[in-house]
Protein backbone atom coordinates (compact mmCIF):
# COMPACT_ATOMS: atom_id res chain seq x y z
CA MET A 1 -2.26 -13.62 -33.71
CA ARG A 2 -5.35 -13.72 -31.57
CA LEU A 3 -7.53 -10.68 -31.28
CA ARG A 4 -6.96 -10.22 -27.58
CA PRO A 5 -3.14 -9.87 -27.85
CA LYS A 6 -3.64 -7.34 -30.64
CA LEU A 7 -6.10 -5.31 -28.64
CA ILE A 8 -4.02 -5.56 -25.48
CA SER A 9 -0.87 -4.43 -27.26
CA LEU A 10 -2.74 -1.38 -28.49
CA VAL A 11 -4.94 -0.52 -25.50
CA LEU A 12 -2.71 -1.21 -22.53
CA PRO A 13 0.01 1.34 -23.33
CA LEU A 14 -2.61 3.97 -24.18
CA VAL A 15 -4.38 3.46 -20.87
CA ILE A 16 -1.84 2.31 -18.30
CA LEU A 17 0.95 4.77 -19.10
CA PRO A 18 -1.19 7.89 -18.52
CA VAL A 19 -2.65 6.33 -15.38
CA LEU A 20 0.83 5.49 -14.07
CA GLY A 21 1.94 9.05 -14.82
CA LEU A 22 -1.01 10.41 -12.88
CA GLY A 23 -0.26 7.93 -10.10
CA TRP A 24 3.34 9.16 -9.94
CA ILE A 25 2.13 12.74 -9.55
CA CYS A 26 -0.24 11.63 -6.77
CA TYR A 27 2.57 9.69 -5.09
CA GLN A 28 4.85 12.74 -5.08
CA TRP A 29 2.07 14.86 -3.63
CA LEU A 30 1.23 12.30 -0.95
CA ALA A 31 4.90 11.79 -0.04
CA ASP A 32 5.36 15.55 0.39
CA ALA A 33 2.17 15.68 2.43
CA ALA A 34 3.44 12.87 4.70
CA TYR A 35 6.75 14.70 5.19
CA ALA A 36 4.89 17.93 6.00
CA ALA A 37 2.56 16.09 8.39
CA SER A 38 5.56 14.58 10.19
CA THR A 39 7.15 18.01 10.48
CA ARG A 40 3.92 19.48 11.85
CA GLU A 41 3.72 16.65 14.36
CA MET A 42 7.27 17.41 15.52
CA ILE A 43 6.53 21.14 15.77
CA THR A 44 3.39 20.41 17.79
CA ALA A 45 5.28 18.09 20.15
CA ALA A 46 7.99 20.73 20.64
CA ALA A 47 5.39 23.40 21.33
CA GLN A 48 3.64 21.22 23.91
CA LEU A 49 6.88 20.47 25.74
CA ARG A 50 8.04 24.07 25.53
CA LEU A 51 4.79 25.33 27.02
CA GLY A 52 4.90 22.68 29.75
CA LEU A 53 8.48 23.56 30.66
CA GLN A 54 7.81 27.29 30.61
CA ALA A 55 4.76 26.82 32.82
CA THR A 56 6.86 24.82 35.30
CA VAL A 57 9.58 27.49 35.31
CA GLN A 58 7.19 30.42 35.65
CA THR A 59 5.26 28.71 38.45
CA ALA A 60 8.48 28.02 40.36
CA ILE A 61 9.68 31.61 39.87
CA ALA A 62 6.37 32.97 41.11
CA ASN A 63 6.47 30.70 44.16
CA VAL A 64 10.05 31.56 45.11
CA GLU A 65 9.23 35.26 44.73
CA LEU A 66 6.15 34.82 46.89
CA LEU A 67 8.07 32.90 49.52
CA SER A 68 10.91 35.42 49.63
CA HIS A 69 8.45 38.23 50.36
CA SER A 70 6.65 36.39 53.12
CA THR A 71 6.94 37.99 56.55
CA LEU A 72 8.20 34.76 58.13
CA VAL A 73 11.06 34.34 55.63
CA GLN A 74 12.15 37.95 55.97
CA GLN A 75 11.95 37.85 59.76
CA TYR A 76 13.96 34.62 59.77
CA ALA A 77 16.59 36.08 57.44
CA LEU A 78 16.96 39.22 59.59
CA THR A 79 17.20 37.39 62.93
CA GLU A 80 20.82 36.94 63.97
CA ASN A 81 20.15 35.56 67.42
CA GLU A 82 20.68 31.85 66.87
CA ARG A 83 18.53 30.73 69.76
CA GLN A 84 15.59 32.78 68.62
CA ARG A 85 16.29 31.93 64.96
CA TYR A 86 16.49 28.16 65.27
CA THR A 87 14.24 27.56 68.27
CA LEU A 88 11.34 29.89 67.56
CA LEU A 89 11.39 30.74 63.86
CA GLN A 90 12.84 27.70 62.11
CA PRO A 91 9.96 25.27 62.94
CA ALA A 92 7.45 27.77 61.58
CA LEU A 93 9.58 28.29 58.47
CA LEU A 94 9.82 24.53 57.88
CA ASN A 95 6.06 24.28 58.26
CA LEU A 96 5.63 27.03 55.64
CA PHE A 97 7.94 25.16 53.27
CA ALA A 98 6.03 21.93 53.89
CA ASN A 99 2.74 23.62 53.01
CA TYR A 100 4.19 24.64 49.64
CA GLN A 101 5.43 21.09 49.05
CA THR A 102 1.99 19.72 49.77
CA VAL A 103 0.52 21.92 47.04
CA TYR A 104 3.45 21.34 44.66
CA PRO A 105 4.69 17.77 45.22
CA ASP A 106 7.40 18.19 42.56
CA TYR A 107 9.16 20.63 44.92
CA TYR A 108 10.98 17.91 46.76
CA GLU A 109 13.44 20.32 48.39
CA ILE A 110 13.23 23.95 49.61
CA LEU A 111 16.45 25.49 50.96
CA PHE A 112 17.58 28.64 52.65
CA LEU A 113 21.31 29.14 52.10
CA LEU A 114 23.38 31.65 53.97
CA PRO A 115 25.48 34.09 51.91
CA ASN A 116 28.54 31.83 52.43
CA GLY A 117 26.74 28.78 50.95
CA TYR A 118 25.87 26.98 54.21
CA GLU A 119 22.52 25.12 54.22
CA ASP A 120 20.80 26.94 57.03
CA THR A 121 17.34 25.40 56.59
CA ARG A 122 16.23 22.49 54.40
CA ALA A 123 12.76 21.03 53.92
CA THR A 124 12.40 17.84 51.87
CA LEU A 125 9.45 15.90 50.60
CA GLY A 126 9.93 12.26 51.43
CA ASP A 127 13.22 10.63 52.29
CA ALA A 128 15.61 12.79 50.25
CA PRO A 129 19.33 12.42 51.09
CA ASN A 130 21.57 15.42 51.64
CA ALA A 131 25.02 15.09 50.06
CA THR A 132 26.49 18.20 51.70
CA GLU A 133 25.49 21.10 53.87
CA GLU A 134 28.32 23.29 52.55
CA GLU A 135 27.70 24.47 48.99
CA GLY A 136 30.01 27.46 49.02
CA ASP A 137 32.65 25.78 46.84
CA THR A 138 30.23 24.18 44.36
CA PRO A 139 29.94 25.51 40.77
CA TYR A 140 26.26 26.05 41.36
CA PHE A 141 26.86 28.39 44.29
CA GLN A 142 29.47 30.28 42.28
CA ARG A 143 26.75 30.74 39.65
CA LEU A 144 24.40 32.12 42.32
CA ALA A 145 27.08 34.49 43.57
CA SER A 146 27.35 35.98 40.08
CA HIS A 147 23.55 36.47 39.83
CA GLN A 148 22.83 38.15 43.15
CA ASP A 149 20.43 40.66 41.67
CA LYS A 150 17.87 38.38 40.05
CA VAL A 151 16.13 35.03 40.21
CA ASP A 152 18.34 32.25 38.85
CA VAL A 153 16.94 29.19 37.06
CA ALA A 154 19.32 26.27 36.54
CA PHE A 155 18.93 22.72 35.24
CA LEU A 156 21.51 20.37 36.73
CA LEU A 157 22.13 16.95 38.20
CA SER A 158 21.10 16.95 41.84
CA PRO A 159 24.09 16.15 44.10
CA ASP A 160 21.64 14.41 46.44
CA THR A 161 19.68 12.14 44.04
CA SER A 162 21.83 12.24 40.84
CA GLU A 163 18.70 13.01 38.81
CA MET A 164 18.07 15.99 36.54
CA VAL A 165 16.30 18.72 38.50
CA MET A 166 15.46 22.39 38.15
CA ARG A 167 16.67 24.81 40.81
CA VAL A 168 15.08 28.24 41.14
CA ALA A 169 17.00 30.55 43.49
CA LYS A 170 16.06 34.02 44.76
CA PRO A 171 18.66 36.21 46.52
CA VAL A 172 17.14 37.65 49.69
CA TRP A 173 18.25 41.26 50.07
CA LEU A 174 16.91 42.97 53.21
CA SER A 175 17.63 46.07 55.19
CA GLU A 176 16.90 46.41 58.91
CA LEU A 177 15.84 49.34 61.05
CA ASP A 178 18.37 50.95 63.39
CA ALA A 179 17.68 52.54 66.75
CA THR A 180 16.26 55.65 65.07
CA LEU A 181 13.83 53.49 63.02
CA THR A 182 15.75 54.39 59.89
CA SER A 183 16.11 51.75 57.21
CA GLY A 184 19.73 50.99 56.43
CA PRO A 185 21.21 49.73 53.19
CA ALA A 186 19.97 46.38 51.92
CA ARG A 187 22.26 43.46 52.55
CA LEU A 188 22.32 39.94 51.14
CA ARG A 189 20.83 37.69 53.82
CA GLY A 190 20.88 34.45 51.92
CA TYR A 191 19.34 32.51 49.02
CA LEU A 192 15.89 30.94 48.92
CA ILE A 193 16.02 27.89 46.62
CA ILE A 194 13.29 25.59 45.29
CA THR A 195 14.49 22.27 43.84
CA CYS A 196 11.91 20.83 41.46
CA ARG A 197 11.80 17.34 40.01
CA LEU A 198 11.09 17.21 36.27
CA GLU A 199 8.87 14.15 36.50
CA THR A 200 5.94 15.89 34.80
CA LEU A 201 8.14 16.92 31.86
CA ARG A 202 9.63 13.41 31.70
CA GLN A 203 6.14 11.92 31.56
CA GLN A 204 5.24 14.35 28.77
CA ILE A 205 8.30 13.26 26.81
CA THR A 206 7.50 9.57 27.33
CA SER A 207 3.87 10.13 26.33
CA ILE A 208 4.92 11.82 23.08
CA LYS A 209 7.40 9.00 22.44
CA ASN A 210 4.72 6.34 22.92
CA ALA A 211 2.05 8.18 20.93
CA SER A 212 4.02 9.33 17.89
CA GLN A 213 7.31 7.36 18.02
CA LEU A 214 9.24 10.62 18.10
CA GLY A 215 12.60 10.86 19.82
CA VAL A 216 12.65 13.71 22.36
CA MET A 217 15.65 15.06 24.24
CA LEU A 218 16.23 18.16 26.39
CA THR A 219 19.78 19.50 26.03
CA ASP A 220 21.84 22.48 27.06
CA THR A 221 23.66 24.77 24.63
CA GLN A 222 26.62 22.36 24.50
CA GLY A 223 24.41 19.44 23.50
CA SER A 224 24.61 17.60 26.83
CA ALA A 225 21.50 15.47 27.30
CA LEU A 226 19.58 16.73 30.33
CA LEU A 227 16.38 14.75 29.94
CA ALA A 228 15.08 12.08 27.58
CA SER A 229 12.24 9.58 27.49
CA ALA A 230 12.73 6.52 29.68
CA ASP A 231 12.90 4.16 26.68
CA SER A 232 15.14 6.39 24.57
CA PRO A 233 17.57 4.11 22.65
CA HIS A 234 20.42 6.57 23.15
CA GLY A 235 19.79 7.40 26.80
CA GLN A 236 21.81 10.41 27.92
CA GLU A 237 24.26 10.45 24.98
CA PRO A 238 25.25 14.05 24.12
CA VAL A 239 24.39 15.61 20.77
CA PRO A 240 27.53 16.16 18.65
CA GLU A 241 28.61 19.81 18.62
CA ASP A 242 28.86 20.02 14.83
CA LEU A 243 25.33 18.60 14.46
CA LEU A 244 23.99 21.07 17.04
CA ALA A 245 25.70 23.95 15.19
CA ARG A 246 24.14 22.91 11.87
CA LEU A 247 20.71 22.68 13.50
CA ARG A 248 21.09 26.14 15.03
CA GLN A 249 22.13 27.49 11.65
CA SER A 250 19.17 25.84 9.93
CA ASN A 251 16.80 27.05 12.62
CA ALA A 252 18.06 30.61 12.26
CA ALA A 253 17.44 30.52 8.50
CA THR A 254 14.01 28.87 8.65
CA PRO A 255 12.51 28.75 12.16
CA GLU A 256 10.29 25.82 13.11
CA SER A 257 11.51 23.68 10.25
CA ALA A 258 12.86 20.13 10.28
CA VAL A 259 15.95 19.06 8.39
CA VAL A 260 17.33 15.64 7.46
CA LEU A 261 20.85 15.10 8.87
CA ASN A 262 22.98 12.13 9.80
CA TYR A 263 22.28 11.41 13.48
CA ARG A 264 23.33 8.32 15.43
CA GLY A 265 24.63 6.71 12.25
CA GLU A 266 21.53 7.10 10.08
CA PRO A 267 19.65 9.87 8.23
CA THR A 268 17.17 11.44 10.64
CA LEU A 269 14.57 14.18 10.45
CA LEU A 270 15.56 16.64 13.21
CA LEU A 271 13.89 19.68 14.72
CA LEU A 272 15.65 21.99 17.21
CA ASP A 273 13.44 24.16 19.39
CA THR A 274 14.46 26.68 22.04
CA ALA A 275 12.66 25.41 25.13
CA ALA A 276 13.92 28.07 27.55
CA ASP A 277 16.99 30.17 28.22
CA LYS A 278 20.02 28.05 27.26
CA LEU A 279 17.85 24.97 26.78
CA TYR A 280 17.01 23.12 23.56
CA LEU A 281 14.43 20.50 22.67
CA LEU A 282 15.68 18.06 20.03
CA ILE A 283 12.84 16.20 18.27
CA SER A 284 13.90 13.38 15.96
CA ARG A 285 12.37 10.81 13.64
CA PRO A 286 14.54 8.33 11.70
CA GLU A 287 14.41 8.69 7.92
CA ARG A 288 13.62 4.98 7.70
CA ASP A 289 10.19 5.68 9.25
CA LEU A 290 9.43 8.22 6.53
CA ALA A 291 10.84 5.84 3.91
CA ALA A 292 8.45 3.14 5.11
CA ILE A 293 5.56 5.57 4.69
CA ARG A 294 6.74 6.45 1.19
CA ARG A 295 7.05 2.78 0.26
CA GLN A 296 3.55 2.12 1.50
CA LEU A 297 2.22 5.10 -0.43
CA GLY A 298 4.11 4.00 -3.54
CA GLY A 299 2.73 0.48 -3.35
CA THR A 300 -0.79 1.78 -2.85
CA VAL A 301 -0.56 4.27 -5.71
CA ILE A 302 0.96 1.71 -8.09
CA GLY A 303 -1.69 -0.84 -7.16
CA ILE A 304 -4.51 1.64 -7.69
CA ALA A 305 -2.97 2.82 -10.95
CA LEU A 306 -2.56 -0.71 -12.26
CA VAL A 307 -6.04 -1.78 -11.23
CA SER A 308 -7.52 1.37 -12.70
CA GLY A 309 -5.56 0.96 -15.90
CA LEU A 310 -6.47 -2.68 -16.29
CA PHE A 311 -10.11 -1.97 -15.62
CA ALA A 312 -10.14 0.83 -18.19
CA ALA A 313 -8.39 -1.41 -20.70
CA LEU A 314 -10.96 -4.13 -20.09
CA LEU A 315 -13.76 -1.70 -20.80
CA LEU A 316 -12.10 -0.66 -24.02
CA LEU A 317 -11.58 -4.26 -25.06
CA ILE A 318 -15.28 -4.97 -24.52
CA ALA A 319 -16.24 -1.86 -26.50
CA LEU A 320 -14.08 -2.98 -29.43
CA HIS A 321 -16.12 -6.16 -29.77
CA TYR A 322 -18.78 -4.14 -31.68
CA LEU A 323 -19.80 -7.11 -33.84
CA LEU A 324 -20.68 -9.27 -30.79
CA VAL A 325 -23.66 -7.26 -29.57
CA ARG A 326 -25.65 -10.10 -28.06
CA PRO A 327 -22.78 -11.55 -26.02
CA ILE A 328 -21.97 -8.05 -24.79
CA GLN A 329 -25.60 -7.55 -23.77
CA GLN A 330 -25.51 -10.84 -21.88
CA LEU A 331 -22.35 -9.80 -20.10
CA ARG A 332 -23.87 -6.42 -19.25
CA ALA A 333 -27.04 -8.03 -17.92
CA ALA A 334 -25.00 -10.45 -15.83
CA ALA A 335 -22.87 -7.62 -14.44
CA GLY A 336 -26.02 -5.68 -13.53
CA ALA A 337 -27.49 -8.68 -11.72
CA ILE A 338 -24.27 -9.10 -9.74
CA GLY A 339 -24.42 -5.42 -8.82
CA ASP A 340 -27.92 -6.07 -7.41
CA GLN A 341 -26.42 -8.88 -5.28
CA ASN A 342 -27.83 -11.63 -7.46
CA PHE A 343 -24.55 -13.51 -7.49
CA ALA A 344 -26.02 -16.57 -9.25
CA ALA A 345 -26.84 -14.57 -12.41
CA THR A 346 -23.54 -15.17 -14.20
CA PRO A 347 -23.25 -15.43 -18.01
CA ALA A 348 -23.48 -18.89 -19.51
CA LEU A 349 -20.68 -18.30 -21.99
CA SER A 350 -18.07 -21.07 -21.98
CA SER A 351 -16.20 -20.51 -25.23
CA PRO A 352 -12.38 -20.79 -25.08
CA ASP A 353 -11.85 -17.35 -26.60
CA GLU A 354 -11.74 -13.83 -25.23
CA LEU A 355 -15.46 -13.73 -24.44
CA GLY A 356 -15.26 -17.01 -22.54
CA ASP A 357 -12.34 -15.69 -20.52
CA LEU A 358 -14.33 -12.58 -19.68
CA ALA A 359 -17.32 -14.68 -18.62
CA ARG A 360 -15.10 -16.73 -16.31
CA SER A 361 -13.69 -13.53 -14.84
CA LEU A 362 -17.21 -12.34 -14.11
CA ARG A 363 -18.02 -15.60 -12.39
CA GLU A 364 -14.94 -15.29 -10.20
CA MET A 365 -15.89 -11.72 -9.41
CA ALA A 366 -19.36 -12.88 -8.38
CA LEU A 367 -17.84 -15.45 -6.05
CA ASN A 368 -15.56 -12.79 -4.50
CA LEU A 369 -18.45 -10.36 -4.07
CA GLU A 370 -20.53 -13.08 -2.48
CA ARG A 371 -17.69 -13.82 -0.08
CA PHE A 372 -17.29 -10.13 0.72
CA HIS A 373 -21.04 -9.88 1.25
CA GLN A 374 -20.85 -12.73 3.72
CA GLN A 375 -17.99 -10.97 5.52
CA LEU A 376 -20.05 -7.78 5.80
CA THR A 377 -22.93 -9.82 7.17
CA THR A 378 -20.57 -11.25 9.77
CA LEU A 379 -19.50 -7.73 10.76
CA ALA A 380 -23.14 -6.86 11.32
CA TYR A 381 -23.24 -9.44 14.14
CA HIS A 382 -20.35 -8.02 16.16
CA ASP A 383 -19.88 -4.93 18.29
CA ASN A 384 -17.49 -2.47 16.63
CA LEU A 385 -16.00 -1.18 19.90
CA THR A 386 -15.23 -4.40 21.80
CA GLY A 387 -15.30 -7.02 19.04
CA LEU A 388 -17.79 -9.07 21.08
CA PRO A 389 -20.95 -10.48 19.52
CA ASN A 390 -23.80 -7.99 19.56
CA ARG A 391 -27.37 -8.44 20.78
CA LEU A 392 -28.58 -9.91 17.48
CA MET A 393 -25.89 -12.59 17.34
CA PHE A 394 -26.26 -13.34 21.06
CA LYS A 395 -29.99 -13.90 20.67
CA GLN A 396 -29.56 -16.18 17.65
CA TYR A 397 -26.80 -18.13 19.41
CA LEU A 398 -29.02 -18.44 22.49
CA GLU A 399 -31.93 -19.72 20.41
CA ARG A 400 -29.72 -22.46 18.92
CA SER A 401 -28.43 -23.37 22.38
CA LEU A 402 -31.99 -23.59 23.73
CA ALA A 403 -32.95 -25.89 20.86
CA HIS A 404 -29.96 -28.07 21.71
CA LEU A 405 -30.91 -27.95 25.42
CA ALA A 406 -34.35 -29.37 24.62
CA ARG A 407 -32.63 -32.61 23.57
CA ARG A 408 -30.64 -32.78 26.83
CA PRO A 409 -33.11 -32.48 29.73
CA ASP A 410 -30.41 -33.27 32.30
CA HIS A 411 -28.50 -30.04 31.59
CA LEU A 412 -29.10 -26.38 32.36
CA LEU A 413 -28.34 -23.12 30.57
CA ALA A 414 -27.76 -19.76 32.27
CA VAL A 415 -28.04 -16.22 30.92
CA LEU A 416 -26.11 -13.55 32.84
CA PHE A 417 -27.11 -9.93 32.27
CA ILE A 418 -24.27 -7.59 33.40
CA ASP A 419 -24.49 -3.84 33.92
CA LEU A 420 -21.47 -1.76 35.03
CA ASP A 421 -22.13 0.26 38.18
CA GLY A 422 -21.32 3.94 37.83
CA PHE A 423 -20.06 3.78 34.25
CA LYS A 424 -21.68 7.14 33.52
CA GLN A 425 -19.41 8.80 36.08
CA VAL A 426 -16.36 7.50 34.19
CA ASN A 427 -17.67 9.05 30.96
CA ASP A 428 -18.53 12.33 32.71
CA THR A 429 -15.22 12.51 34.57
CA LEU A 430 -12.65 11.20 32.07
CA GLY A 431 -14.50 11.52 28.77
CA HIS A 432 -16.02 9.13 26.27
CA GLU A 433 -12.67 7.91 24.93
CA ALA A 434 -11.75 6.74 28.42
CA GLY A 435 -15.18 5.12 28.71
CA ASP A 436 -14.62 3.27 25.42
CA GLN A 437 -11.25 2.02 26.65
CA LEU A 438 -12.87 0.84 29.89
CA LEU A 439 -15.52 -1.08 27.93
CA ARG A 440 -12.82 -2.79 25.85
CA GLU A 441 -10.90 -3.86 28.95
CA VAL A 442 -14.11 -5.08 30.62
CA SER A 443 -14.87 -7.21 27.55
CA GLN A 444 -11.38 -8.74 27.74
CA ARG A 445 -11.83 -9.64 31.40
CA LEU A 446 -15.23 -11.16 30.71
CA ASN A 447 -13.74 -13.39 28.00
CA GLN A 448 -11.03 -14.46 30.44
CA THR A 449 -13.55 -15.53 33.09
CA ILE A 450 -15.76 -17.78 30.98
CA ARG A 451 -15.19 -21.21 29.51
CA PRO A 452 -14.47 -21.89 25.81
CA GLN A 453 -17.98 -23.22 25.26
CA ASP A 454 -19.60 -20.12 26.76
CA MET A 455 -20.29 -16.82 24.99
CA ALA A 456 -19.93 -13.15 26.06
CA ALA A 457 -21.65 -10.34 24.18
CA ARG A 458 -22.17 -6.61 24.44
CA LEU A 459 -25.83 -5.67 24.29
CA GLY A 460 -25.26 -1.91 24.17
CA GLY A 461 -23.94 0.91 26.34
CA ASP A 462 -22.42 -0.63 29.45
CA GLU A 463 -24.60 -3.77 29.31
CA PHE A 464 -23.11 -7.19 28.64
CA ALA A 465 -24.56 -10.68 28.52
CA ILE A 466 -23.04 -14.13 28.98
CA GLU A 467 -24.47 -17.50 28.01
CA LEU A 468 -23.30 -20.47 30.08
CA ASN A 469 -23.89 -23.82 28.37
CA ASP A 470 -23.99 -27.42 29.58
CA LEU A 471 -24.44 -26.68 33.30
CA SER A 472 -25.22 -29.58 35.57
CA HIS A 473 -26.16 -27.37 38.53
CA THR A 474 -26.80 -23.67 39.22
CA HIS A 475 -23.72 -23.66 41.48
CA HIS A 476 -21.67 -23.44 38.30
CA ALA A 477 -23.43 -20.18 37.45
CA ASP A 478 -22.63 -18.96 40.99
CA GLN A 479 -18.95 -19.67 40.40
CA ILE A 480 -18.87 -17.78 37.11
CA ALA A 481 -20.78 -14.82 38.59
CA HIS A 482 -18.37 -14.63 41.54
CA ARG A 483 -15.45 -14.86 39.14
CA ILE A 484 -16.85 -11.97 37.05
CA LEU A 485 -17.42 -9.76 40.10
CA SER A 486 -13.89 -10.46 41.32
CA ALA A 487 -12.38 -9.76 37.90
CA LEU A 488 -14.23 -6.45 37.47
CA ALA A 489 -13.39 -5.39 41.03
CA GLN A 490 -9.71 -5.25 40.08
CA THR A 491 -8.54 -1.74 39.19
CA PHE A 492 -8.31 -0.52 35.60
CA SER A 493 -5.58 1.76 34.26
CA ILE A 494 -7.37 4.23 31.98
CA GLU A 495 -5.40 7.14 30.43
CA ALA A 496 -2.98 7.48 33.36
CA HIS A 497 -5.88 7.16 35.84
CA THR A 498 -6.70 4.28 38.15
CA VAL A 499 -10.39 3.40 37.87
CA THR A 500 -12.23 0.96 40.11
CA ILE A 501 -15.78 -0.10 39.19
CA SER A 502 -18.19 -2.87 40.01
CA ALA A 503 -21.02 -4.65 38.26
CA SER A 504 -24.56 -5.83 38.93
CA ILE A 505 -25.51 -9.20 37.46
CA GLY A 506 -28.88 -10.80 36.83
CA VAL A 507 -29.14 -14.55 36.22
CA ALA A 508 -31.90 -16.47 34.45
CA ILE A 509 -31.83 -20.27 34.18
CA ALA A 510 -33.25 -22.40 31.38
CA PRO A 511 -35.41 -24.38 31.35
CA THR A 512 -36.39 -23.41 34.95
CA ASP A 513 -37.20 -19.76 34.11
CA GLY A 514 -38.22 -20.38 30.50
CA THR A 515 -37.06 -21.61 27.12
CA ASP A 516 -37.58 -18.47 25.04
CA ALA A 517 -34.41 -16.49 24.25
CA GLU A 518 -36.00 -13.04 24.44
CA ASN A 519 -37.73 -13.86 27.71
CA LEU A 520 -34.56 -15.23 29.29
CA ILE A 521 -32.66 -12.05 28.41
CA HIS A 522 -35.54 -9.99 29.82
CA TYR A 523 -35.67 -12.07 33.01
CA ALA A 524 -31.94 -11.73 33.52
CA ASP A 525 -32.32 -7.96 32.97
CA LEU A 526 -35.01 -7.81 35.68
CA ALA A 527 -32.80 -9.76 38.07
CA MET A 528 -29.93 -7.36 37.32
CA TYR A 529 -32.08 -4.38 38.33
CA GLN A 530 -32.92 -6.22 41.54
CA ALA A 531 -29.18 -6.60 42.18
CA LYS A 532 -28.73 -2.86 41.68
CA GLN A 533 -31.56 -2.08 44.09
CA ARG A 534 -29.99 -4.42 46.66
CA GLY A 535 -26.77 -2.44 46.71
CA LYS A 536 -24.95 -3.19 43.42
CA ASN A 537 -21.75 -5.23 42.99
CA GLN A 538 -23.70 -8.49 43.35
CA TYR A 539 -25.77 -10.94 41.38
CA ARG A 540 -29.38 -12.05 41.74
CA TYR A 541 -31.41 -14.88 40.26
CA PHE A 542 -34.69 -14.20 38.47
CA ASN A 543 -36.20 -17.12 40.32
CA ASP A 544 -35.47 -15.27 43.60
CA LEU A 545 -37.76 -12.46 42.44
CA LEU A 546 -40.62 -14.91 41.90
CA ASN A 547 -39.94 -16.93 45.06
CA PRO A 548 -38.46 -14.63 47.74
CA LYS A 549 -38.60 -17.40 50.33
CA SER A 550 -36.53 -19.85 48.34
CA ASP A 551 -33.48 -21.45 49.94
CA ARG A 552 -31.19 -19.71 47.52
CA GLN A 553 -32.47 -16.32 48.69
CA SER A 554 -30.40 -16.64 51.83
CA THR A 555 -27.23 -17.20 49.81
CA GLN A 556 -24.90 -14.21 49.54
CA HIS A 557 -24.73 -13.28 45.84
CA SER A 558 -22.15 -10.50 46.11
CA LEU A 559 -18.54 -9.89 46.97
CA SER A 560 -17.45 -9.20 50.52
CA PRO A 561 -18.51 -5.80 51.94
CA SER A 562 -14.95 -4.54 51.66
CA ALA A 563 -15.03 -5.13 47.90
CA ARG A 564 -18.37 -3.35 47.20
CA LEU A 565 -17.96 -0.15 45.23
CA HIS A 566 -21.14 1.62 44.10
CA TRP A 567 -19.35 4.47 42.34
CA PRO A 568 -16.18 4.41 40.26
CA ILE A 569 -13.03 5.48 42.07
CA ILE A 570 -10.78 7.47 39.78
CA SER A 571 -7.29 8.60 40.72
CA SER A 572 -4.45 10.08 38.72
CA ALA A 573 -1.37 7.94 38.34
CA ASN A 574 0.71 11.10 38.47
CA THR A 575 -0.59 12.23 41.86
CA SER A 576 1.71 11.75 44.83
CA THR A 577 0.41 11.63 48.38
CA ASP A 578 2.33 12.60 51.45
């Protein structure tokens, strides 16, 4: 029996089994940590939604209280003369309601109901239908009649739009002065009601769904689905009563804890949170998602354990070759040289035994390290944020293109230096993460505007450069510059905001303006600054700076005046305008 099988049969169990045992302990710890992290994520999502809902409810309650105590509302409620009530006071009351709706666009409907349920006054935001003016027989009005002494908050399907809304109602109790200026007993004059769309809450739910792949549903105490994310696979399906009861029982025993139960036909991690009075938030994550995480962790831990064990066993096998000092020294010297990135310094051993096998393994390792080193070198030539070539790679590529251009005197080469106008305002207004996203989308649009033989690069900050090869005339550079300005003039959707920017472009032509790469980049940079000074959102040629009276100087190098934007325009996608 060869020496290696003997050593392997002895060393491998002694090394790999303890390492695998340690790996199993690490796997259990990591799996528990992943489960706890998922639970914390669900608790955080529930807290965010609960706070958002509570803020919406409290704001609506404060507004309906404020409205009910306004002089105009009270005067309107006390006026029994219909001519005076509807001719003089109602227009002013509607205007007051409209002012509130302007400030709070989610309040699409503000009502004043008479004590018998008749819609006396109704102000709507936009074209909102009205299913009925008589609400006296509706279950909702019966609910109001039983809560005449306090503000009522209800979540229900709107009879007008069939969407889930929140209604906040305030009974208006007023007393009037008699002939002796004595205040009589208070009497119910009607109900002031604010109907609020839950679009903000729905967007929160959808955002959490997209960001963390959590299922989110707002239910009542019976489990009826009131609100869910737009792409929820189960839509408005109710939560089974027995499941809801088990969740309430689990929540009572250990608050803010998730439990694995069978939900929608599969084991699911569920968290029930009390969002408001008689409202629940159900946060869910399928067990298969957690199982996928555990499988990934298991594979990683096993791989690390095996690699670690094999490496330790290899070291022991080398140590046991105590009689082969010189070969071991050669192997050690070769390994040290490889560690110093001298990948050619591999051992010259070629024997067909264990030492020869080890020498071949070292040579393969050297080849792999050399390949990895080349990959790292490649990474050094690209921008980490956008994936575009960086300044160093662009310059080297430009130098090779200029050398190729010297052999083709009938062709031209153009360097476009691009600077985004007003990019700093995007960073200051929306934050650096939004600015990074904008830079990535700009880089994508630049790649879409150029030809396959051309090259786009990011030089740093909000500066980009493009090399246009094999041009037969400068008109081709004009076309690309116009195409870039048009592409960047289109709006960007950045973190639920609409952003509109522009760019200033400088153009240098080789060999007309020079044949040195650094100089061409510098000349294009100077031309770009000239474009900024001329009003931004345009492009200028470096040759125009040297020869202001050239024929090309009279050519318009920018977009139409209607498309010029010197500062970024940022608007929220959630903002509605009357």
